[in-house]
Amino acid sequence: MSRKKVVVSLGHEALGYTTLEQWDAVKKTAKALAGLVEADYQLTITHSNGPQVSMIHKAMTELRRVYIDYTPAPMCVCSAMSQGYVGYDLQNALRSELLNRGISKTVSTILTQVTVDPYDEAFYEPTKVIGRYMSAEDAEMEIKKGNYVKEEPGKGFRRVVAAPKPIHIIELDAIRLLADAGQIVIACGGGGIPVIEQNHVLKGASAVIEKDSIAGKLASELKVDELIILTSVPYVYLNYGKEDQTPIEKMTIAQAGEYIKAGEFEEGTMLPKIEAAISYLETNPTGSVLITSLDMSANAIKGKGGTIITA
């Protein structure tokens, strides 16, 4: 029997919010992922990077303020940095956990670029908040440089960047080759490094890609058997956060579409996950999507928890 091929998408809970938190968090995450390997799942892993890329952006901006000889790092470079250091911690923690269980398997991180459309409407209405709080004067300087800022009353101003849709995963062939060889691959971290192709040259875009969107696309392109989205809640819920919230154990993409129309899923949290599930299942109707928490993953893959979405 061949291994079940899956893409696993890790949220913030799996990585923590600071460097020290991440060291501890990836050890716990590695145990859950190793459990999937023991259950004969072939893993391709992608992950969030919101706190990490924001931290890097803050650090590089402050470095420029202290040492004027340094050039502020563009968002694409900050994204690349976050992919590298998250992948480093995650692959080492997973490798160690697997060896402790007597499993010798290569874990590789691929620095991944993803093309976006320069005319994507997201560039005209940026929504992703990053970086430090700024004064009104600093915010004005950012605006003069062509960047967008958002005021948070009582706190200051912060930069906002676009979240365009992913078009093409540049390193897809390499990811597929390693996955087909039975290796565990960590790729498209933080949604991938957003780039725009101009005359065969890839130029970094001032943007971030929604990690759930790239998880759905990666799962579609690799034609995996299942997309597993590990988040902070054990189920997808109706009436989430209310007294009558109800867990959804199973639903079809048609039902998911109706729930979206009814406004059941919050933008920026559960909605992108449901949209990724629909996108994947529309191109791979024989597949399935599991949305659950890291803690429940071991039981969820046995049908004892989590939300299953099918075509």
Protein backbone atom coordinates (compact mmCIF):
# COMPACT_ATOMS: atom_id res chain seq x y z
CA MET A 1 0.00 0.00 0.00
CA SER A 2 1.46 3.37 -1.03
CA ARG A 3 1.85 6.18 1.45
CA LYS A 4 -0.90 8.76 1.68
CA LYS A 5 0.47 11.98 0.21
CA VAL A 6 -0.51 15.09 2.13
CA VAL A 7 0.26 18.77 2.36
CA VAL A 8 0.31 19.96 5.99
CA SER A 9 -0.23 23.66 6.64
CA LEU A 10 1.03 24.94 10.00
CA GLY A 11 -0.39 28.05 11.67
CA HIS A 12 1.08 30.46 14.23
CA GLU A 13 0.37 28.09 17.12
CA ALA A 14 2.83 25.59 15.66
CA LEU A 15 5.70 28.09 15.60
CA GLY A 16 5.23 30.60 18.39
CA TYR A 17 5.64 34.35 18.11
CA THR A 18 9.27 34.96 19.11
CA THR A 19 12.60 33.24 18.51
CA LEU A 20 12.57 31.61 21.95
CA GLU A 21 8.93 30.57 21.65
CA GLN A 22 9.69 29.04 18.27
CA TRP A 23 12.46 26.82 19.69
CA ASP A 24 9.96 25.31 22.12
CA ALA A 25 6.98 25.27 19.77
CA VAL A 26 8.70 23.36 16.96
CA LYS A 27 9.55 20.53 19.36
CA LYS A 28 5.86 20.04 20.09
CA THR A 29 5.00 20.45 16.41
CA ALA A 30 7.64 17.90 15.45
CA LYS A 31 5.95 15.30 17.66
CA ALA A 32 2.63 15.80 15.85
CA LEU A 33 4.31 15.67 12.43
CA ALA A 34 6.32 12.58 13.36
CA GLY A 35 3.04 10.96 14.39
CA LEU A 36 1.78 11.52 10.85
CA VAL A 37 4.95 9.96 9.43
CA GLU A 38 4.48 6.93 11.68
CA ALA A 39 0.91 6.68 10.37
CA ASP A 40 2.45 6.31 6.88
CA TYR A 41 1.76 9.81 5.60
CA GLN A 42 4.15 11.33 3.06
CA LEU A 43 4.51 14.96 4.16
CA THR A 44 5.02 18.20 2.31
CA ILE A 45 4.86 20.99 4.88
CA THR A 46 4.12 24.68 4.57
CA HIS A 47 3.80 27.20 7.37
CA SER A 48 2.83 30.69 8.43
CA ASN A 49 5.39 33.43 9.09
CA GLY A 50 3.41 36.48 10.20
CA PRO A 51 5.15 37.17 13.52
CA GLN A 52 8.53 36.11 12.12
CA VAL A 53 8.51 38.29 9.01
CA SER A 54 7.17 41.22 11.04
CA MET A 55 10.00 40.78 13.55
CA ILE A 56 12.61 40.69 10.77
CA HIS A 57 11.11 43.74 9.09
CA LYS A 58 11.24 45.67 12.39
CA ALA A 59 14.85 44.62 13.01
CA MET A 60 16.05 45.58 9.52
CA THR A 61 14.23 48.91 9.68
CA GLU A 62 15.76 49.75 13.06
CA LEU A 63 19.20 48.70 11.79
CA ARG A 64 18.87 51.31 9.06
CA ARG A 65 17.85 53.93 11.63
CA VAL A 66 20.94 53.23 13.78
CA TYR A 67 23.47 52.61 11.00
CA ILE A 68 22.79 54.85 8.03
CA ASP A 69 25.15 52.83 5.79
CA TYR A 70 22.65 49.95 5.81
CA THR A 71 19.80 49.78 3.31
CA PRO A 72 16.35 48.80 4.63
CA ALA A 73 15.49 45.24 3.58
CA PRO A 74 12.54 44.99 1.18
CA MET A 75 9.63 42.72 2.06
CA CYS A 76 10.76 39.99 -0.34
CA VAL A 77 14.11 39.76 1.47
CA CYS A 78 12.40 39.68 4.87
CA SER A 79 10.20 36.86 3.57
CA ALA A 80 13.25 34.91 2.39
CA MET A 81 14.91 35.37 5.79
CA SER A 82 11.82 34.11 7.61
CA GLN A 83 11.58 31.04 5.35
CA GLY A 84 15.18 30.21 6.09
CA TYR A 85 15.13 30.45 9.86
CA VAL A 86 11.70 28.89 10.38
CA GLY A 87 12.65 26.05 8.06
CA TYR A 88 15.95 25.60 9.90
CA ASP A 89 14.27 25.20 13.30
CA LEU A 90 11.43 23.07 11.97
CA GLN A 91 13.51 20.65 9.91
CA ASN A 92 16.00 20.10 12.73
CA ALA A 93 13.28 19.51 15.32
CA LEU A 94 11.46 17.05 13.04
CA ARG A 95 14.65 15.24 12.08
CA SER A 96 15.56 14.83 15.76
CA GLU A 97 12.08 13.59 16.70
CA LEU A 98 12.06 11.06 13.85
CA LEU A 99 15.49 9.71 14.83
CA ASN A 100 14.30 9.36 18.44
CA ARG A 101 11.57 7.11 17.06
CA GLY A 102 13.99 5.08 14.99
CA ILE A 103 13.01 6.69 11.69
CA SER A 104 15.79 7.88 9.39
CA LYS A 105 14.32 10.28 6.85
CA THR A 106 15.68 13.40 5.18
CA VAL A 107 13.88 16.66 5.94
CA SER A 108 14.64 19.48 3.49
CA THR A 109 13.64 23.14 3.35
CA ILE A 110 13.29 24.70 -0.09
CA LEU A 111 13.50 28.47 -0.37
CA THR A 112 10.41 29.02 -2.49
CA GLN A 113 9.40 31.87 -4.79
CA VAL A 114 5.83 32.38 -5.95
CA THR A 115 4.80 34.65 -8.81
CA VAL A 116 2.00 37.16 -8.38
CA ASP A 117 0.14 39.40 -10.80
CA PRO A 118 1.39 43.02 -10.60
CA TYR A 119 -2.15 44.11 -11.48
CA ASP A 120 -3.78 42.07 -8.71
CA GLU A 121 -6.41 44.24 -7.03
CA ALA A 122 -4.76 43.52 -3.67
CA PHE A 123 -1.95 45.93 -4.58
CA TYR A 124 -4.49 48.76 -4.67
CA GLU A 125 -6.04 47.86 -1.30
CA PRO A 126 -3.27 46.49 1.00
CA THR A 127 -4.54 44.76 4.14
CA LYS A 128 -1.63 42.94 5.81
CA VAL A 129 -0.22 44.90 8.75
CA ILE A 130 3.52 44.47 9.41
CA GLY A 131 6.41 46.02 11.27
CA ARG A 132 6.76 48.48 14.14
CA TYR A 133 4.52 51.29 15.28
CA MET A 134 5.55 54.60 13.73
CA SER A 135 5.06 58.25 14.55
CA ALA A 136 3.02 60.46 12.21
CA GLU A 137 6.29 61.86 10.83
CA ASP A 138 7.70 58.42 10.03
CA ALA A 139 4.37 57.39 8.53
CA GLU A 140 4.47 60.42 6.25
CA MET A 141 7.94 59.39 5.05
CA GLU A 142 6.64 55.91 4.23
CA ILE A 143 3.78 57.39 2.25
CA LYS A 144 6.20 59.57 0.29
CA LYS A 145 8.14 56.40 -0.61
CA GLY A 146 4.94 54.96 -2.09
CA ASN A 147 4.10 52.68 0.81
CA TYR A 148 0.76 52.34 2.59
CA VAL A 149 0.26 52.92 6.31
CA LYS A 150 -2.62 52.37 8.71
CA GLU A 151 -3.31 54.28 11.91
CA GLU A 152 -4.22 52.37 15.04
CA PRO A 153 -5.76 54.90 17.44
CA GLY A 154 -3.71 55.40 20.57
CA LYS A 155 -0.83 53.29 19.27
CA GLY A 156 0.52 54.92 16.15
CA PHE A 157 0.90 54.00 12.50
CA ARG A 158 1.97 50.71 10.94
CA ARG A 159 2.82 49.77 7.40
CA VAL A 160 0.38 47.63 5.42
CA VAL A 161 1.24 45.53 2.37
CA ALA A 162 -0.74 43.73 -0.28
CA ALA A 163 -1.76 40.07 -0.13
CA PRO A 164 -2.07 39.05 -3.81
CA LYS A 165 -3.16 35.63 -5.01
CA PRO A 166 -0.40 33.13 -5.88
CA ILE A 167 0.01 32.28 -9.57
CA HIS A 168 2.95 29.92 -10.00
CA ILE A 169 5.29 28.15 -7.57
CA ILE A 170 8.73 28.60 -9.15
CA GLU A 171 10.44 25.69 -7.37
CA LEU A 172 7.49 23.30 -7.83
CA ASP A 173 9.50 20.75 -9.82
CA ALA A 174 12.13 20.52 -7.09
CA ILE A 175 9.46 20.14 -4.40
CA ARG A 176 7.73 17.40 -6.39
CA LEU A 177 11.01 15.59 -7.09
CA LEU A 178 11.94 15.41 -3.40
CA ALA A 179 8.41 14.47 -2.34
CA ASP A 180 8.25 11.70 -4.96
CA ALA A 181 11.60 10.42 -3.63
CA GLY A 182 9.98 9.96 -0.21
CA GLN A 183 11.64 12.93 1.47
CA ILE A 184 9.87 15.31 3.81
CA VAL A 185 9.79 18.75 2.25
CA ILE A 186 9.21 22.14 3.88
CA ALA A 187 8.29 24.65 1.19
CA CYS A 188 6.34 27.83 0.40
CA GLY A 189 6.90 29.09 3.95
CA GLY A 190 4.87 32.17 4.77
CA GLY A 191 3.07 31.86 1.44
CA GLY A 192 6.33 31.89 -0.50
CA ILE A 193 8.50 34.83 -1.53
CA PRO A 194 6.23 36.97 -3.76
CA VAL A 195 7.92 37.77 -7.07
CA ILE A 196 6.93 39.32 -10.39
CA GLU A 197 8.42 37.89 -13.58
CA GLN A 198 9.72 40.46 -16.04
CA ASN A 199 11.57 39.22 -19.15
CA HIS A 200 12.66 36.01 -17.38
CA VAL A 201 13.89 38.00 -14.37
CA LEU A 202 12.17 37.48 -11.02
CA LYS A 203 11.78 40.69 -9.04
CA GLY A 204 10.60 40.73 -5.45
CA ALA A 205 7.20 42.26 -4.78
CA SER A 206 6.32 44.39 -1.76
CA ALA A 207 3.68 41.97 -0.57
CA VAL A 208 2.93 38.82 1.38
CA ILE A 209 0.96 35.81 0.18
CA GLU A 210 -1.74 34.30 2.38
CA LYS A 211 -0.30 31.02 3.66
CA ASP A 212 -3.65 29.24 3.37
CA SER A 213 -3.90 30.23 -0.29
CA ILE A 214 -0.50 28.75 -1.07
CA ALA A 215 -1.32 25.60 0.92
CA GLY A 216 -4.35 25.01 -1.28
CA LYS A 217 -2.37 25.69 -4.44
CA LEU A 218 0.55 23.49 -3.39
CA ALA A 219 -1.84 20.64 -2.56
CA SER A 220 -3.53 21.08 -5.95
CA GLU A 221 -0.27 21.17 -7.92
CA LEU A 222 1.16 18.11 -6.16
CA LYS A 223 -2.18 16.29 -6.51
CA VAL A 224 -1.94 15.02 -2.95
CA ASP A 225 -4.55 12.80 -1.34
CA GLU A 226 -5.29 15.21 1.49
CA LEU A 227 -4.72 18.77 2.67
CA ILE A 228 -4.32 19.00 6.44
CA ILE A 229 -4.65 22.48 7.93
CA LEU A 230 -3.49 22.64 11.55
CA THR A 231 -4.76 25.70 13.34
CA SER A 232 -5.67 26.88 16.86
CA VAL A 233 -9.13 25.26 17.06
CA PRO A 234 -10.07 21.55 16.92
CA TYR A 235 -13.02 22.07 14.55
CA VAL A 236 -14.53 24.53 12.14
CA TYR A 237 -17.55 25.98 13.94
CA LEU A 238 -20.88 27.51 13.11
CA ASN A 239 -21.64 30.60 15.22
CA TYR A 240 -18.02 30.62 16.39
CA GLY A 241 -17.45 32.40 19.68
CA LYS A 242 -21.15 32.48 20.55
CA GLU A 243 -23.03 30.50 23.18
CA ASP A 244 -24.52 28.23 20.54
CA GLN A 245 -21.31 27.57 18.60
CA THR A 246 -21.50 24.15 16.95
CA PRO A 247 -18.61 22.07 15.59
CA ILE A 248 -18.85 20.96 11.98
CA GLU A 249 -17.62 17.38 11.66
CA LYS A 250 -18.20 17.04 7.91
CA MET A 251 -19.20 19.29 5.05
CA THR A 252 -19.03 19.48 1.27
CA ILE A 253 -17.64 22.41 -0.70
CA ALA A 254 -21.24 23.26 -1.67
CA GLN A 255 -22.17 23.53 1.99
CA ALA A 256 -19.00 25.49 2.67
CA GLY A 257 -20.01 27.95 -0.04
CA GLU A 258 -23.40 28.46 1.61
CA TYR A 259 -21.75 29.05 4.98
CA ILE A 260 -19.47 31.64 3.39
CA LYS A 261 -22.47 33.46 1.92
CA ALA A 262 -24.06 33.43 5.37
CA GLY A 263 -20.94 35.07 6.84
CA GLU A 264 -20.08 32.15 9.11
CA PHE A 265 -16.31 32.37 8.66
CA GLU A 266 -14.25 35.34 9.77
CA GLU A 267 -11.96 37.06 7.28
CA GLY A 268 -8.29 36.64 8.11
CA THR A 269 -8.86 33.55 10.27
CA MET A 270 -11.12 30.70 9.15
CA LEU A 271 -12.34 32.10 5.82
CA PRO A 272 -8.96 31.75 4.01
CA LYS A 273 -8.74 28.13 5.18
CA ILE A 274 -12.19 27.29 3.81
CA GLU A 275 -11.38 29.07 0.53
CA ALA A 276 -8.13 27.07 0.26
CA ALA A 277 -10.07 23.86 0.86
CA ILE A 278 -12.56 24.71 -1.88
CA SER A 279 -9.78 25.65 -4.32
CA TYR A 280 -7.94 22.37 -3.71
CA LEU A 281 -11.06 20.17 -3.93
CA GLU A 282 -12.28 21.85 -7.12
CA THR A 283 -9.10 20.70 -8.88
CA ASN A 284 -8.74 17.42 -6.95
CA PRO A 285 -12.31 16.23 -6.28
CA THR A 286 -11.20 12.80 -5.01
CA GLY A 287 -9.16 14.39 -2.24
CA SER A 288 -10.21 15.60 1.21
CA VAL A 289 -9.36 18.39 3.62
CA LEU A 290 -8.91 18.06 7.37
CA ILE A 291 -9.00 21.19 9.53
CA THR A 292 -8.12 20.67 13.18
CA SER A 293 -5.71 21.69 15.93
CA LEU A 294 -2.17 20.46 16.43
CA ASP A 295 -3.18 18.73 19.66
CA MET A 296 -6.05 16.85 18.04
CA SER A 297 -4.21 15.82 14.86
CA ALA A 298 -3.32 12.31 16.07
CA ASN A 299 -6.99 11.49 16.77
CA ALA A 300 -8.32 13.47 13.82
CA ILE A 301 -6.48 11.36 11.23
CA LYS A 302 -8.25 8.36 12.76
CA GLY A 303 -11.64 10.03 12.27
CA LYS A 304 -11.98 11.00 15.93
CA GLY A 305 -12.02 14.77 15.62
CA GLY A 306 -11.54 17.70 13.32
CA THR A 307 -13.58 18.90 10.35
CA ILE A 308 -13.50 16.92 7.10
CA ILE A 309 -14.33 18.71 3.86
CA THR A 310 -14.97 16.84 0.62
CA ALA A 311 -16.14 17.70 -2.88
